[in-house]
């Protein structure tokens, strides 16, 4: 395998690992509308400590999904590229096409 392809594979893995956490997916949804938000404001909405949220935000930033900037003593975060939401929509569509998902939906409708 070529070195270039290995690097691309590693970047894919890094991106997918960053998305493979429920809290990080919720953070992305929270940041979907493009506003810059301070971790102190996010903490008010999420039932997580500021240090836990900061760790998740750092993971998303290192994966190049979020970007941040300092304003005084606050660190503001926003989604770097909204293309990430297209990727999540593709994942949602794949799940919906999955037979296992269809069975879960059918069971929930019976309840």
Protein backbone atom coordinates (compact mmCIF):
# COMPACT_ATOMS: atom_id res chain seq x y z
CA UNK A 1 0.00 0.00 0.00
CA UNK A 2 1.27 3.49 -0.81
CA UNK A 3 2.34 5.85 1.97
CA UNK A 4 -0.11 8.46 0.67
CA UNK A 5 -3.02 6.01 1.00
CA UNK A 6 -1.91 4.99 4.48
CA UNK A 7 -1.93 8.62 5.53
CA UNK A 8 -5.41 9.12 4.07
CA UNK A 9 -6.59 6.00 5.91
CA UNK A 10 -5.16 7.35 9.16
CA UNK A 11 -6.91 10.66 8.65
CA UNK A 12 -10.18 8.84 8.00
CA UNK A 13 -9.69 6.82 11.17
CA UNK A 14 -8.97 9.97 13.19
CA UNK A 15 -12.11 11.66 11.88
CA UNK A 16 -14.32 8.63 12.47
CA UNK A 17 -12.89 8.08 15.95
CA UNK A 18 -13.67 11.68 16.83
CA UNK A 19 -17.27 11.11 15.77
CA UNK A 20 -17.60 7.81 17.62
CA UNK A 21 -18.81 9.26 20.91
CA UNK A 22 -22.35 10.16 21.95
CA UNK A 23 -21.31 13.38 23.72
CA UNK A 24 -19.28 14.58 20.74
CA UNK A 25 -22.18 13.89 18.37
CA UNK A 26 -24.48 15.86 20.68
CA UNK A 27 -21.95 18.70 20.79
CA UNK A 28 -21.91 18.80 16.99
CA UNK A 29 -25.70 19.00 16.89
CA UNK A 30 -25.59 21.76 19.48
CA UNK A 31 -23.10 23.69 17.34
CA UNK A 32 -24.93 22.96 14.07
CA UNK A 33 -26.29 26.45 13.55
CA UNK A 34 -22.90 28.07 13.22
CA UNK A 35 -22.74 30.24 16.31
CA UNK A 36 -19.54 30.45 18.28
CA UNK A 37 -20.15 29.11 21.75
CA UNK A 38 -18.06 29.15 24.88
CA UNK A 39 -17.59 25.92 26.81
CA UNK A 40 -19.09 27.71 29.83
CA UNK A 41 -22.35 28.16 27.87
CA UNK A 42 -22.29 24.56 26.64
CA UNK A 43 -21.89 23.38 30.23
CA UNK A 44 -25.28 24.95 31.07
CA UNK A 45 -27.01 22.71 28.53
CA UNK A 46 -25.06 19.45 28.95
CA UNK A 47 -24.98 17.40 32.12
CA UNK A 48 -21.18 17.23 32.02
CA UNK A 49 -18.35 19.02 33.80
CA UNK A 50 -16.46 21.77 32.02
CA UNK A 51 -13.30 19.63 31.97
CA UNK A 52 -15.17 16.71 30.34
CA UNK A 53 -16.69 18.99 27.72
CA UNK A 54 -13.33 20.63 27.09
CA UNK A 55 -11.77 17.23 26.48
CA UNK A 56 -14.49 16.36 23.94
CA UNK A 57 -14.19 19.76 22.26
CA UNK A 58 -10.42 19.28 22.05
CA UNK A 59 -10.91 15.90 20.34
CA UNK A 60 -13.26 17.46 17.77
CA UNK A 61 -10.85 20.36 17.24
CA UNK A 62 -7.85 18.06 16.78
CA UNK A 63 -9.85 16.11 14.19
CA UNK A 64 -10.37 19.40 12.32
CA UNK A 65 -14.14 19.25 12.85
CA UNK A 66 -14.28 22.30 15.11
CA UNK A 67 -12.23 25.43 15.28
CA UNK A 68 -11.68 27.66 18.26
CA UNK A 69 -10.47 31.11 19.12
CA UNK A 70 -9.84 33.03 22.30
CA UNK A 71 -11.83 36.07 23.30
CA UNK A 72 -10.50 37.41 26.55
CA UNK A 73 -10.39 34.47 28.93
CA UNK A 74 -13.09 32.55 27.01
CA UNK A 75 -12.46 29.96 24.35
CA UNK A 76 -15.12 29.96 21.64
CA UNK A 77 -15.88 26.95 19.45
CA UNK A 78 -17.69 26.54 16.15
CA UNK A 79 -18.00 23.95 13.41
CA UNK A 80 -15.16 24.42 10.95
CA UNK A 81 -16.91 22.99 7.89
CA UNK A 82 -20.63 22.23 7.68
CA UNK A 83 -19.84 19.36 5.30
CA UNK A 84 -19.57 17.25 8.46
CA UNK A 85 -23.37 17.33 8.70
CA UNK A 86 -23.63 15.82 5.21
CA UNK A 87 -21.47 12.95 6.43
CA UNK A 88 -23.76 12.47 9.43
CA UNK A 89 -26.80 12.53 7.12
CA UNK A 90 -25.21 9.79 4.98
CA UNK A 91 -24.65 7.72 8.12
CA UNK A 92 -28.28 8.29 9.14
CA UNK A 93 -29.47 7.13 5.71
CA UNK A 94 -27.30 4.01 5.87
CA UNK A 95 -28.76 3.18 9.27
CA UNK A 96 -32.31 3.70 8.05
CA UNK A 97 -31.70 1.31 5.15
CA UNK A 98 -30.40 -1.34 7.54
CA UNK A 99 -32.82 -4.21 8.26
CA UNK A 100 -31.94 -4.17 11.96
CA UNK A 101 -32.99 -0.53 12.17
CA UNK A 102 -36.28 -1.27 10.43
CA UNK A 103 -37.07 -3.99 12.99
CA UNK A 104 -36.36 -1.61 15.89
CA UNK A 105 -38.68 1.01 14.39
CA UNK A 106 -41.41 -1.61 13.89
CA UNK A 107 -41.09 -2.74 17.51
CA UNK A 108 -41.26 0.84 18.78
CA UNK A 109 -44.41 1.50 16.76
CA UNK A 110 -46.12 -1.50 18.37
CA UNK A 111 -45.47 -0.16 21.87
